[in-house]
């Protein structure tokens, strides 16, 4: 228990727990975030030791005594190119390379961050200094040992906006970077790694000197574009896939298949020893199936597991024999957002009219009645710890008409929203429900349905688009990625110094009650600026055959296959 005795932040959290400010689950999540082990935090909270903590300091579930080694797991999902992991814009590529190249931390299905390529970490009392301990004995596929300088290479890389990675929007990497005074071709401020911010102390220790307090470092380091690449990395990753994971890339045909095989020898001829313990599968085959035909592929025996069941497919999957269906609550959502610098959305009265004319709760009831939760246009979910509950929005068609008239559109307005059904046809149904409601206010909304791949080509460019946003364990992570001024994934082009400052302040507060109070302002700024219609938070469903063991639904739709085995 030395780690907790020497950690004042853990003692602060324990005081909050004892005084009833936070519950035991929130205590566990935050205590682990600031450096306590899961075992120590569970003991302090009076909780039983989680299964994930029963296999030493590994981030995986405990080894199954009944597990059999061998076999090929076939997973149905879209097959993406593997170019630069830091530039991934969706989970498919990350899932394909996750068994090859790994992360500093891993966030499990319970939203708790665990050490992965890091052995442990500690945060200073002011959350501005983080000490990272790199796991010893981790072998790269080329025979090198993972060292602190390799980690530093990745951290500095993510902190340079010239890379174009979304990681720069996460608070940790923003706080490790500095504005250069230059602008990119779109007028966005450029950032570069701050000199001395990433300090390599010795071969397995780094100290990060943040420009401001940061709470979310362990969660940020598990975000799917933060896979750790070797310092020799050059894109595309698929040409020279050096990683630390138990598998290597055997074949990649984009849009067809991606085949991984267990690695037994390093490229310099050594026996490869995986740091993470037992891994059972011989091979993993990702086979290209779109969302619409994954259940049929599973039911026909063409694959053993799939990326996801959309809500409308659950009953179909239940009709097949020999399947296991799992689900989990998430912060997955759909944002029907407007670009605030593009006419007519550059007039806030138009955006406010659109929002007023829509009943979010009705959309949720019509489109996703089972398991979803109504959202109210500020992109922080009730399952995220910093969520501040704002009053529900009330539809006001007459108010919408008045705003349109005031903005010069008294005779009506015609708009187009692009949707790619990237998570299934329910997204199109949401847009059509919005269309029907907007008609009452004199707004004609054309729903332009694009192929999924085409939508991802234009999702940051279209003036009005319906974009799927994935789950993050903390709401502040999503807000930093999507709405901080100038970051690559700010598809709405929203830019507010007041919002940026309020988000930065909220990101730095450990005290649970105080952080929620800070979040009220953050959420209201987003909601009041009428950037989007965001109608619901949805669960995630997935399925596998009964021959597959250890394959579970993850709120971020990540595949963690280290402990998966086949009968």
Protein backbone atom coordinates (compact mmCIF):
# COMPACT_ATOMS: atom_id res chain seq x y z
CA UNK A 1 0.00 0.00 0.00
CA UNK A 2 3.06 2.29 -0.25
CA UNK A 3 1.68 3.76 -3.48
CA UNK A 4 -1.43 5.10 -1.72
CA UNK A 5 0.37 6.30 1.41
CA UNK A 6 2.59 8.49 -0.78
CA UNK A 7 -0.18 9.76 -3.05
CA UNK A 8 -2.04 12.80 -1.64
CA UNK A 9 -4.53 12.74 -4.52
CA UNK A 10 -5.66 9.24 -3.56
CA UNK A 11 -6.17 10.46 0.03
CA UNK A 12 -8.25 13.39 -1.28
CA UNK A 13 -10.42 10.96 -3.22
CA UNK A 14 -10.74 8.69 -0.19
CA UNK A 15 -11.98 11.69 1.81
CA UNK A 16 -14.55 12.40 -0.93
CA UNK A 17 -15.63 8.76 -0.78
CA UNK A 18 -15.94 8.75 3.00
CA UNK A 19 -17.92 12.01 2.97
CA UNK A 20 -20.35 10.72 0.33
CA UNK A 21 -19.27 13.09 -2.47
CA UNK A 22 -18.45 10.20 -4.79
CA UNK A 23 -19.53 6.58 -4.90
CA UNK A 24 -17.18 3.61 -4.79
CA UNK A 25 -17.13 3.08 -8.55
CA UNK A 26 -16.22 6.73 -9.16
CA UNK A 27 -13.54 6.50 -6.46
CA UNK A 28 -12.05 3.41 -8.10
CA UNK A 29 -11.92 5.04 -11.53
CA UNK A 30 -10.32 8.26 -10.28
CA UNK A 31 -7.89 6.64 -7.82
CA UNK A 32 -6.57 4.44 -10.62
CA UNK A 33 -6.37 7.48 -12.91
CA UNK A 34 -4.00 9.32 -10.55
CA UNK A 35 -1.76 6.32 -9.97
CA UNK A 36 -3.21 3.79 -7.51
CA UNK A 37 -3.29 0.18 -8.62
CA UNK A 38 -6.71 -1.41 -9.06
CA UNK A 39 -5.93 -3.78 -6.20
CA UNK A 40 -5.05 -0.97 -3.78
CA UNK A 41 -7.97 1.23 -4.84
CA UNK A 42 -10.41 -1.68 -4.54
CA UNK A 43 -9.18 -2.42 -1.01
CA UNK A 44 -9.55 1.23 0.04
CA UNK A 45 -13.09 1.32 -1.36
CA UNK A 46 -14.08 -1.96 0.27
CA UNK A 47 -14.74 -3.54 -3.13
CA UNK A 48 -13.90 -7.10 -4.15
CA UNK A 49 -10.84 -7.42 -6.34
CA UNK A 50 -11.97 -7.09 -9.98
CA UNK A 51 -11.29 -10.02 -12.28
CA UNK A 52 -8.99 -7.83 -14.35
CA UNK A 53 -6.78 -7.27 -11.29
CA UNK A 54 -6.33 -10.94 -10.45
CA UNK A 55 -3.55 -11.67 -12.94
CA UNK A 56 -0.70 -9.59 -11.54
CA UNK A 57 -0.23 -6.18 -13.14
CA UNK A 58 -1.63 -7.21 -16.51
CA UNK A 59 -4.50 -5.26 -18.10
CA UNK A 60 -6.22 -8.37 -19.45
CA UNK A 61 -8.79 -10.69 -17.90
CA UNK A 62 -7.29 -13.57 -15.92
CA UNK A 63 -6.21 -16.63 -17.86
CA UNK A 64 -9.06 -19.11 -18.29
CA UNK A 65 -8.04 -22.53 -16.86
CA UNK A 66 -10.25 -24.19 -19.49
CA UNK A 67 -8.74 -22.31 -22.41
CA UNK A 68 -7.39 -24.23 -25.38
CA UNK A 69 -4.50 -22.98 -27.46
CA UNK A 70 -4.75 -22.80 -31.22
CA UNK A 71 -7.41 -21.97 -33.73
CA UNK A 72 -8.33 -19.12 -36.05
CA UNK A 73 -10.79 -16.41 -35.02
CA UNK A 74 -12.68 -14.89 -37.97
CA UNK A 75 -14.13 -11.44 -37.33
CA UNK A 76 -16.53 -9.65 -39.65
CA UNK A 77 -15.91 -5.92 -40.02
CA UNK A 78 -14.93 -3.36 -42.64
CA UNK A 79 -11.28 -3.77 -43.66
CA UNK A 80 -9.32 -0.53 -43.59
CA UNK A 81 -5.87 0.45 -44.77
CA UNK A 82 -3.16 0.51 -42.11
CA UNK A 83 -1.32 3.72 -42.87
CA UNK A 84 -0.39 5.69 -39.72
CA UNK A 85 -2.00 4.61 -36.42
CA UNK A 86 -1.94 8.21 -35.19
CA UNK A 87 -4.14 9.18 -38.15
CA UNK A 88 -6.83 6.53 -37.67
CA UNK A 89 -10.27 8.12 -37.88
CA UNK A 90 -12.32 5.06 -36.95
CA UNK A 91 -12.06 1.83 -34.98
CA UNK A 92 -11.69 -0.61 -37.86
CA UNK A 93 -8.02 0.10 -38.55
CA UNK A 94 -7.25 0.30 -34.84
CA UNK A 95 -8.87 -3.09 -34.24
CA UNK A 96 -6.89 -4.65 -37.07
CA UNK A 97 -3.56 -3.41 -35.70
CA UNK A 98 -4.37 -3.56 -31.96
CA UNK A 99 -2.96 -7.13 -31.60
CA UNK A 100 0.24 -5.93 -33.33
CA UNK A 101 1.03 -2.55 -31.84
CA UNK A 102 -0.17 -1.68 -28.36
CA UNK A 103 -1.02 1.21 -26.04
CA UNK A 104 0.48 2.76 -22.93
CA UNK A 105 -2.79 2.09 -21.12
CA UNK A 106 -5.92 0.05 -21.69
CA UNK A 107 -9.44 1.09 -20.73
CA UNK A 108 -11.52 -2.00 -20.03
CA UNK A 109 -15.24 -2.57 -20.56
CA UNK A 110 -15.76 -1.05 -17.08
CA UNK A 111 -14.18 2.28 -18.23
CA UNK A 112 -11.25 1.89 -15.80
CA UNK A 113 -7.78 2.71 -17.17
CA UNK A 114 -5.11 0.07 -16.56
CA UNK A 115 -1.36 0.03 -17.23
CA UNK A 116 -0.40 -1.68 -20.47
CA UNK A 117 3.01 -0.73 -21.91
CA UNK A 118 3.31 1.44 -18.84
CA UNK A 119 3.86 -0.42 -15.59
CA UNK A 120 2.49 2.42 -13.47
CA UNK A 121 2.24 6.21 -13.22
CA UNK A 122 1.87 8.97 -10.65
CA UNK A 123 0.38 12.44 -10.87
CA UNK A 124 1.58 15.41 -8.86
CA UNK A 125 -0.86 17.08 -6.49
CA UNK A 126 -1.47 19.92 -8.95
CA UNK A 127 -1.92 17.45 -11.89
CA UNK A 128 0.76 19.25 -13.89
CA UNK A 129 3.54 16.67 -13.54
CA UNK A 130 3.09 13.03 -14.46
CA UNK A 131 5.73 10.36 -13.91
CA UNK A 132 5.46 7.36 -16.22
CA UNK A 133 7.15 4.02 -15.56
CA UNK A 134 7.64 2.01 -18.75
CA UNK A 135 7.08 -1.73 -18.39
CA UNK A 136 10.36 -3.66 -18.37
CA UNK A 137 10.99 -6.67 -20.55
CA UNK A 138 8.71 -5.62 -23.43
CA UNK A 139 10.12 -6.82 -26.75
CA UNK A 140 9.59 -5.20 -30.12
CA UNK A 141 9.13 -7.48 -33.11
CA UNK A 142 12.57 -6.46 -34.38
CA UNK A 143 14.24 -7.65 -31.14
CA UNK A 144 14.66 -4.22 -29.50
CA UNK A 145 13.48 -3.65 -25.93
CA UNK A 146 10.85 -0.99 -25.35
CA UNK A 147 12.45 1.95 -23.52
CA UNK A 148 11.40 5.38 -22.32
CA UNK A 149 12.87 7.15 -25.33
CA UNK A 150 10.55 5.16 -27.59
CA UNK A 151 7.55 6.37 -25.59
CA UNK A 152 8.86 9.93 -25.70
CA UNK A 153 9.11 9.70 -29.50
CA UNK A 154 5.38 8.94 -29.70
CA UNK A 155 4.32 11.59 -27.16
CA UNK A 156 6.26 14.30 -28.98
CA UNK A 157 4.88 13.10 -32.31
CA UNK A 158 1.29 13.37 -31.10
CA UNK A 159 1.99 16.88 -29.75
CA UNK A 160 2.92 18.25 -33.19
CA UNK A 161 -0.05 19.48 -35.19
CA UNK A 162 1.94 19.05 -38.43
CA UNK A 163 1.21 15.33 -38.07
CA UNK A 164 -2.52 16.01 -38.49
CA UNK A 165 -3.48 13.57 -35.74
CA UNK A 166 -6.67 14.03 -33.74
CA UNK A 167 -4.56 13.32 -30.64
CA UNK A 168 -3.58 17.00 -30.47
CA UNK A 169 -7.17 17.72 -29.37
CA UNK A 170 -6.79 15.57 -26.23
CA UNK A 171 -5.92 17.64 -23.18
CA UNK A 172 -2.72 15.69 -22.39
CA UNK A 173 -1.10 16.37 -25.74
CA UNK A 174 -2.38 19.92 -25.97
CA UNK A 175 -0.67 20.50 -22.60
CA UNK A 176 2.60 19.07 -23.95
CA UNK A 177 2.57 21.45 -26.92
CA UNK A 178 2.86 25.17 -27.59
CA UNK A 179 1.41 27.40 -30.29
CA UNK A 180 4.13 28.26 -32.81
CA UNK A 181 2.52 31.48 -34.08
CA UNK A 182 2.05 29.88 -37.50
CA UNK A 183 -1.26 29.06 -39.17
CA UNK A 184 -2.10 26.15 -41.43
CA UNK A 185 -3.78 26.55 -44.83
CA UNK A 186 -7.17 26.71 -43.09
CA UNK A 187 -6.04 29.43 -40.68
CA UNK A 188 -5.80 27.14 -37.66
CA UNK A 189 -3.09 27.79 -35.09
CA UNK A 190 -0.19 25.34 -35.35
CA UNK A 191 1.25 23.63 -32.26
CA UNK A 192 4.61 21.97 -31.69
CA UNK A 193 6.05 19.90 -28.82
CA UNK A 194 7.10 22.14 -25.93
CA UNK A 195 10.82 21.91 -25.35
CA UNK A 196 11.52 19.92 -22.18
CA UNK A 197 7.88 18.92 -21.66
CA UNK A 198 8.72 15.24 -22.17
CA UNK A 199 11.72 14.42 -20.00
CA UNK A 200 13.42 11.03 -20.22
CA UNK A 201 14.82 10.36 -16.74
CA UNK A 202 16.27 6.91 -17.36
CA UNK A 203 15.74 3.92 -19.63
CA UNK A 204 12.28 3.20 -18.23
CA UNK A 205 11.10 6.47 -16.64
CA UNK A 206 9.65 9.66 -18.11
CA UNK A 207 8.38 12.82 -16.48
CA UNK A 208 5.80 14.90 -18.32
CA UNK A 209 5.74 18.62 -17.53
CA UNK A 210 2.28 19.86 -18.52
CA UNK A 211 1.53 23.50 -19.26
CA UNK A 212 -1.65 23.16 -17.22
CA UNK A 213 -3.33 20.60 -14.94
CA UNK A 214 -4.51 17.48 -16.75
CA UNK A 215 -6.68 14.76 -15.24
CA UNK A 216 -7.17 12.45 -18.19
CA UNK A 217 -3.66 11.27 -19.17
CA UNK A 218 -4.33 7.52 -18.64
CA UNK A 219 -7.57 7.70 -20.63
CA UNK A 220 -6.00 9.84 -23.37
CA UNK A 221 -3.22 7.25 -23.79
CA UNK A 222 -5.82 4.55 -24.50
CA UNK A 223 -7.61 6.53 -27.23
CA UNK A 224 -7.58 4.42 -30.39
CA UNK A 225 -5.13 6.58 -32.46
CA UNK A 226 -2.47 6.35 -29.68
CA UNK A 227 -0.91 3.00 -30.59
CA UNK A 228 2.82 3.05 -29.80
CA UNK A 229 4.98 2.77 -32.92
CA UNK A 230 8.69 2.04 -33.10
CA UNK A 231 10.95 5.11 -33.61
CA UNK A 232 11.87 3.72 -37.03
CA UNK A 233 8.22 4.04 -38.11
CA UNK A 234 7.44 5.25 -41.59
CA UNK A 235 3.98 5.12 -43.14
CA UNK A 236 2.33 2.97 -44.21
CA UNK A 237 2.41 0.82 -41.09
CA UNK A 238 1.37 -2.21 -43.15
CA UNK A 239 4.71 -2.15 -45.01
CA UNK A 240 6.80 -2.63 -41.85
CA UNK A 241 4.47 -3.50 -38.95
CA UNK A 242 6.83 -3.42 -35.98
CA UNK A 243 4.90 -3.70 -32.72
CA UNK A 244 5.03 -5.17 -29.24
CA UNK A 245 1.89 -7.30 -29.47
CA UNK A 246 1.65 -11.08 -29.87
CA UNK A 247 0.63 -10.99 -33.55
CA UNK A 248 2.09 -9.72 -36.79
CA UNK A 249 0.54 -8.81 -40.12
CA UNK A 250 0.57 -11.65 -42.63
CA UNK A 251 -1.73 -10.21 -45.30
CA UNK A 252 -3.75 -7.06 -45.95
CA UNK A 253 -6.18 -6.54 -48.82
CA UNK A 254 -8.12 -3.35 -48.11
CA UNK A 255 -11.84 -3.95 -48.47
CA UNK A 256 -11.33 -7.73 -48.43
CA UNK A 257 -9.32 -9.24 -45.55
CA UNK A 258 -6.63 -8.66 -42.96
CA UNK A 259 -4.79 -11.71 -41.58
CA UNK A 260 -2.70 -11.71 -38.41
CA UNK A 261 -0.51 -14.59 -37.23
CA UNK A 262 1.17 -15.32 -33.92
CA UNK A 263 4.74 -14.06 -33.90
CA UNK A 264 7.33 -16.56 -32.68
CA UNK A 265 10.58 -15.06 -33.97
CA UNK A 266 11.79 -11.48 -34.12
CA UNK A 267 13.06 -10.12 -37.40
CA UNK A 268 16.62 -10.43 -36.06
CA UNK A 269 16.15 -14.12 -35.30
CA UNK A 270 15.45 -14.12 -31.56
CA UNK A 271 12.68 -16.09 -29.90
CA UNK A 272 9.85 -13.63 -29.37
CA UNK A 273 8.57 -13.59 -25.79
CA UNK A 274 5.33 -11.70 -25.27
CA UNK A 275 5.19 -9.66 -22.07
CA UNK A 276 1.41 -10.11 -21.64
CA UNK A 277 1.26 -13.79 -20.70
CA UNK A 278 -0.83 -16.47 -22.36
CA UNK A 279 -2.37 -15.75 -25.75
CA UNK A 280 -4.37 -18.59 -27.26
CA UNK A 281 -5.28 -17.95 -30.89
CA UNK A 282 -2.90 -18.92 -33.70
CA UNK A 283 -4.40 -16.48 -36.18
CA UNK A 284 -6.96 -13.69 -36.41
CA UNK A 285 -8.72 -13.16 -39.73
CA UNK A 286 -10.64 -9.92 -40.24
CA UNK A 287 -13.02 -10.41 -43.15
CA UNK A 288 -14.74 -7.53 -44.91
CA UNK A 289 -18.45 -7.32 -44.13
CA UNK A 290 -20.49 -4.14 -43.86
CA UNK A 291 -22.80 -3.46 -40.94
CA UNK A 292 -25.81 -4.62 -42.93
CA UNK A 293 -24.54 -8.15 -43.62
CA UNK A 294 -22.43 -8.96 -40.56
CA UNK A 295 -25.27 -10.83 -38.74
CA UNK A 296 -25.98 -13.02 -41.77
CA UNK A 297 -22.28 -13.79 -42.13
CA UNK A 298 -22.24 -14.81 -38.47
CA UNK A 299 -25.40 -16.88 -38.69
CA UNK A 300 -24.17 -18.68 -41.82
CA UNK A 301 -20.86 -19.61 -40.24
CA UNK A 302 -18.73 -17.41 -42.51
CA UNK A 303 -17.30 -15.64 -39.43
CA UNK A 304 -17.05 -16.44 -35.73
CA UNK A 305 -17.62 -12.91 -34.37
CA UNK A 306 -18.62 -9.50 -35.64
CA UNK A 307 -17.80 -5.87 -34.99
CA UNK A 308 -21.32 -4.87 -34.02
CA UNK A 309 -25.01 -5.64 -34.19
CA UNK A 310 -27.05 -2.56 -35.00
CA UNK A 311 -30.24 -2.18 -33.00
CA UNK A 312 -32.45 -3.28 -35.87
CA UNK A 313 -30.42 -6.50 -36.27
CA UNK A 314 -30.68 -7.83 -32.72
CA UNK A 315 -33.89 -9.78 -33.34
CA UNK A 316 -32.42 -11.28 -36.51
CA UNK A 317 -29.35 -12.42 -34.58
CA UNK A 318 -31.55 -13.97 -31.91
CA UNK A 319 -33.16 -16.13 -34.57
CA UNK A 320 -29.87 -17.91 -35.26
CA UNK A 321 -28.87 -20.88 -33.13
CA UNK A 322 -25.55 -21.04 -31.31
CA UNK A 323 -24.87 -17.32 -30.90
CA UNK A 324 -23.96 -15.30 -27.83
CA UNK A 325 -25.18 -11.68 -27.88
CA UNK A 326 -23.74 -9.12 -25.47
CA UNK A 327 -24.43 -5.43 -24.94
CA UNK A 328 -23.15 -2.54 -22.87
CA UNK A 329 -24.22 1.04 -22.09
CA UNK A 330 -22.07 3.64 -23.83
CA UNK A 331 -21.51 7.25 -24.77
CA UNK A 332 -21.92 6.35 -28.46
CA UNK A 333 -24.02 8.99 -30.19
CA UNK A 334 -25.03 10.66 -33.43
CA UNK A 335 -24.43 14.39 -33.87
CA UNK A 336 -26.43 16.08 -36.62
CA UNK A 337 -24.17 19.09 -36.61
CA UNK A 338 -23.93 22.33 -38.57
CA UNK A 339 -20.81 24.21 -39.63
CA UNK A 340 -21.15 27.49 -37.82
CA UNK A 341 -19.09 29.47 -40.35
CA UNK A 342 -21.09 28.35 -43.40
CA UNK A 343 -24.35 29.99 -44.55
CA UNK A 344 -27.07 29.74 -43.44
CA UNK A 345 -25.67 28.19 -40.25
CA UNK A 346 -23.38 31.17 -39.64
CA UNK A 347 -26.52 32.89 -38.30
CA UNK A 348 -27.12 31.56 -34.80
CA UNK A 349 -30.83 32.34 -35.15
CA UNK A 350 -31.06 29.73 -37.91
CA UNK A 351 -29.28 27.14 -35.79
CA UNK A 352 -31.46 27.95 -32.79
CA UNK A 353 -34.59 27.64 -34.93
CA UNK A 354 -33.50 24.19 -36.15
CA UNK A 355 -32.85 23.02 -32.60
CA UNK A 356 -36.13 24.48 -31.29
CA UNK A 357 -38.18 22.73 -33.97
CA UNK A 358 -36.99 19.26 -32.92
CA UNK A 359 -38.06 17.00 -30.04
CA UNK A 360 -34.99 14.91 -29.15
CA UNK A 361 -36.92 12.62 -26.84
CA UNK A 362 -39.46 11.80 -29.54
CA UNK A 363 -36.65 10.85 -31.92
CA UNK A 364 -35.18 8.54 -29.32
CA UNK A 365 -38.59 6.92 -28.70
CA UNK A 366 -39.23 6.42 -32.43
CA UNK A 367 -35.78 5.28 -33.54
CA UNK A 368 -34.10 3.64 -30.56
CA UNK A 369 -36.74 2.77 -27.95
CA UNK A 370 -34.79 0.00 -26.20
CA UNK A 371 -31.72 0.80 -24.15
CA UNK A 372 -31.01 4.32 -25.43
CA UNK A 373 -31.02 7.52 -23.34
CA UNK A 374 -32.20 10.91 -24.59
CA UNK A 375 -29.46 13.47 -25.20
CA UNK A 376 -29.84 17.25 -25.30
CA UNK A 377 -27.18 18.68 -27.61
CA UNK A 378 -24.14 19.10 -25.33
CA UNK A 379 -22.24 15.83 -25.98
CA UNK A 380 -21.58 14.69 -22.40
CA UNK A 381 -23.29 11.44 -21.40
CA UNK A 382 -24.90 10.47 -18.08
CA UNK A 383 -22.49 7.52 -17.76
CA UNK A 384 -19.48 9.87 -17.91
CA UNK A 385 -18.34 11.00 -14.46
CA UNK A 386 -18.34 14.76 -15.11
CA UNK A 387 -21.89 14.90 -16.50
CA UNK A 388 -23.96 17.83 -15.22
CA UNK A 389 -27.69 17.34 -15.71
CA UNK A 390 -29.24 20.25 -17.58
CA UNK A 391 -33.04 20.66 -17.93
CA UNK A 392 -34.55 18.79 -20.89
CA UNK A 393 -35.08 20.82 -24.03
CA UNK A 394 -38.70 21.51 -25.00
CA UNK A 395 -39.82 21.69 -28.60
CA UNK A 396 -41.05 25.17 -29.63
CA UNK A 397 -42.21 25.28 -33.25
CA UNK A 398 -43.63 28.80 -33.01
CA UNK A 399 -40.39 30.04 -31.47
CA UNK A 400 -38.51 28.41 -34.33
CA UNK A 401 -40.69 30.16 -36.92
CA UNK A 402 -40.13 33.51 -35.21
CA UNK A 403 -36.37 33.06 -35.25
CA UNK A 404 -36.40 32.09 -38.94
CA UNK A 405 -38.44 35.17 -39.80
CA UNK A 406 -36.07 37.35 -37.81
CA UNK A 407 -33.14 35.83 -39.73
CA UNK A 408 -34.83 36.63 -43.07
CA UNK A 409 -36.23 33.17 -43.80
CA UNK A 410 -39.88 33.81 -43.13
CA UNK A 411 -40.83 32.12 -46.39
CA UNK A 412 -39.01 28.93 -45.42
CA UNK A 413 -35.58 27.39 -45.73
CA UNK A 414 -34.25 24.38 -47.65
CA UNK A 415 -31.30 22.40 -46.25
CA UNK A 416 -29.48 19.14 -46.95
CA UNK A 417 -27.98 16.78 -44.38
CA UNK A 418 -25.45 14.13 -45.40
CA UNK A 419 -25.60 10.76 -43.62
CA UNK A 420 -23.53 7.64 -44.22
CA UNK A 421 -25.28 5.13 -41.95
CA UNK A 422 -21.84 4.37 -40.55
CA UNK A 423 -23.44 2.61 -37.57
CA UNK A 424 -26.50 1.30 -39.39
CA UNK A 425 -29.73 2.55 -40.99
CA UNK A 426 -31.03 3.92 -37.68
CA UNK A 427 -28.90 7.01 -38.44
CA UNK A 428 -30.89 7.66 -41.60
CA UNK A 429 -34.07 7.16 -39.55
CA UNK A 430 -32.90 9.87 -37.13
CA UNK A 431 -32.35 12.29 -40.02
CA UNK A 432 -35.76 11.48 -41.47
CA UNK A 433 -37.40 12.08 -38.11
CA UNK A 434 -35.65 15.45 -37.91
CA UNK A 435 -36.83 16.17 -41.47
CA UNK A 436 -40.44 15.49 -40.56
CA UNK A 437 -40.31 17.72 -37.47
CA UNK A 438 -38.52 20.58 -39.21
CA UNK A 439 -41.28 20.69 -41.82
CA UNK A 440 -43.66 22.01 -39.15
CA UNK A 441 -41.45 25.10 -38.86
CA UNK A 442 -41.23 25.69 -42.61
CA UNK A 443 -37.82 24.06 -43.05
CA UNK A 444 -37.35 21.54 -45.85
CA UNK A 445 -34.58 19.07 -45.02
CA UNK A 446 -33.27 16.81 -47.77
CA UNK A 447 -31.62 13.65 -46.44
CA UNK A 448 -28.69 12.69 -48.66
CA UNK A 449 -27.68 9.09 -47.96
CA UNK A 450 -24.08 8.36 -48.93
CA UNK A 451 -22.11 5.10 -48.97
CA UNK A 452 -20.25 4.71 -45.70
CA UNK A 453 -16.79 5.06 -47.25
CA UNK A 454 -17.88 8.18 -49.16
CA UNK A 455 -19.28 9.76 -46.01
CA UNK A 456 -15.98 9.35 -44.17
CA UNK A 457 -14.29 11.19 -47.04
CA UNK A 458 -16.47 14.28 -46.52
CA UNK A 459 -17.54 14.16 -42.84
CA UNK A 460 -15.45 17.19 -41.84
CA UNK A 461 -16.31 19.09 -45.03
CA UNK A 462 -20.10 18.92 -45.41
CA UNK A 463 -22.00 21.97 -44.08
CA UNK A 464 -24.53 19.70 -42.35
CA UNK A 465 -23.71 16.10 -41.52
CA UNK A 466 -24.87 13.26 -39.27
CA UNK A 467 -21.67 11.98 -37.69
CA UNK A 468 -21.30 9.00 -35.39
CA UNK A 469 -19.12 9.80 -32.38
CA UNK A 470 -17.60 6.94 -30.42
CA UNK A 471 -17.62 6.34 -26.68
CA UNK A 472 -14.93 7.87 -24.49
CA UNK A 473 -14.61 7.14 -20.77
CA UNK A 474 -14.53 10.88 -20.00
CA UNK A 475 -16.74 13.52 -21.54
CA UNK A 476 -13.93 16.07 -21.57
CA UNK A 477 -12.02 13.83 -23.99
CA UNK A 478 -14.78 14.05 -26.61
CA UNK A 479 -15.23 17.78 -26.09
CA UNK A 480 -11.52 18.37 -26.62
CA UNK A 481 -11.47 16.28 -29.79
CA UNK A 482 -14.65 17.72 -31.29
CA UNK A 483 -15.09 21.34 -30.14
CA UNK A 484 -11.76 22.80 -28.99
CA UNK A 485 -10.78 25.59 -31.37
CA UNK A 486 -8.76 24.49 -34.38
CA UNK A 487 -8.37 20.77 -33.65
CA UNK A 488 -8.48 18.38 -36.66
CA UNK A 489 -11.80 16.74 -35.78
CA UNK A 490 -13.70 19.98 -35.09
CA UNK A 491 -16.18 19.27 -37.89
CA UNK A 492 -18.61 22.02 -36.82
CA UNK A 493 -15.87 24.71 -36.98
CA UNK A 494 -17.09 25.95 -33.61
CA UNK A 495 -14.51 28.24 -32.02
CA UNK A 496 -15.03 29.94 -28.69
CA UNK A 497 -12.34 31.25 -26.37
CA UNK A 498 -14.88 31.12 -23.55
CA UNK A 499 -15.61 27.45 -24.23
CA UNK A 500 -11.91 26.55 -24.57
CA UNK A 501 -11.13 28.23 -21.24
CA UNK A 502 -14.07 26.61 -19.46
CA UNK A 503 -13.16 23.16 -20.81
CA UNK A 504 -9.54 23.59 -19.80
CA UNK A 505 -10.65 24.56 -16.30
CA UNK A 506 -12.97 21.55 -16.00
CA UNK A 507 -10.26 19.18 -17.25
CA UNK A 508 -8.00 20.19 -14.38
CA UNK A 509 -10.35 19.58 -11.42
CA UNK A 510 -10.11 16.33 -9.46
CA UNK A 511 -12.83 17.01 -6.88
CA UNK A 512 -15.96 15.34 -8.26
CA UNK A 513 -18.55 17.90 -7.16
CA UNK A 514 -16.39 20.85 -8.17
CA UNK A 515 -15.74 19.36 -11.61
CA UNK A 516 -19.43 18.82 -12.26
CA UNK A 517 -20.08 22.45 -11.35
CA UNK A 518 -17.41 23.51 -13.86
CA UNK A 519 -19.03 21.31 -16.49
CA UNK A 520 -22.34 23.15 -16.25
CA UNK A 521 -20.79 26.16 -17.98
CA UNK A 522 -19.07 23.99 -20.60
CA UNK A 523 -22.25 22.14 -21.46
CA UNK A 524 -24.41 25.28 -21.54
CA UNK A 525 -22.04 27.03 -23.95
CA UNK A 526 -22.35 24.12 -26.36
CA UNK A 527 -26.10 23.86 -25.96
CA UNK A 528 -26.71 27.61 -26.21
CA UNK A 529 -24.68 27.88 -29.41
CA UNK A 530 -27.05 25.38 -31.08
CA UNK A 531 -24.30 23.53 -32.91
CA UNK A 532 -26.13 20.23 -33.31
CA UNK A 533 -29.14 18.07 -32.80
CA UNK A 534 -27.86 15.17 -30.71
CA UNK A 535 -30.89 13.04 -29.87
CA UNK A 536 -29.62 9.98 -27.99
CA UNK A 537 -26.96 7.89 -26.31
CA UNK A 538 -27.11 4.32 -27.50
CA UNK A 539 -25.98 0.91 -26.26
CA UNK A 540 -23.55 -1.29 -28.21
CA UNK A 541 -24.45 -4.86 -29.18
CA UNK A 542 -22.10 -7.51 -30.52
CA UNK A 543 -22.26 -11.24 -31.07
CA UNK A 544 -20.14 -14.33 -31.56
CA UNK A 545 -20.71 -18.04 -31.96
CA UNK A 546 -20.77 -20.24 -28.88
CA UNK A 547 -17.38 -21.64 -29.95
CA UNK A 548 -15.76 -18.31 -29.03
CA UNK A 549 -14.91 -17.59 -25.40
CA UNK A 550 -13.88 -14.28 -23.84
CA UNK A 551 -15.27 -12.07 -26.61
CA UNK A 552 -17.22 -9.26 -24.93
CA UNK A 553 -18.86 -5.99 -25.89
CA UNK A 554 -16.68 -2.96 -25.23
CA UNK A 555 -18.30 0.50 -25.03
CA UNK A 556 -15.69 1.84 -27.48
CA UNK A 557 -16.13 -1.18 -29.78
CA UNK A 558 -12.52 -2.20 -29.24
CA UNK A 559 -11.43 -5.79 -29.82
CA UNK A 560 -9.38 -7.14 -26.89
CA UNK A 561 -8.47 -10.63 -28.04
CA UNK A 562 -5.52 -11.54 -25.80
CA UNK A 563 -7.63 -13.91 -23.71
CA UNK A 564 -10.05 -15.03 -26.44
CA UNK A 565 -10.00 -18.75 -27.27
CA UNK A 566 -11.87 -21.16 -29.52
CA UNK A 567 -13.40 -24.56 -28.84
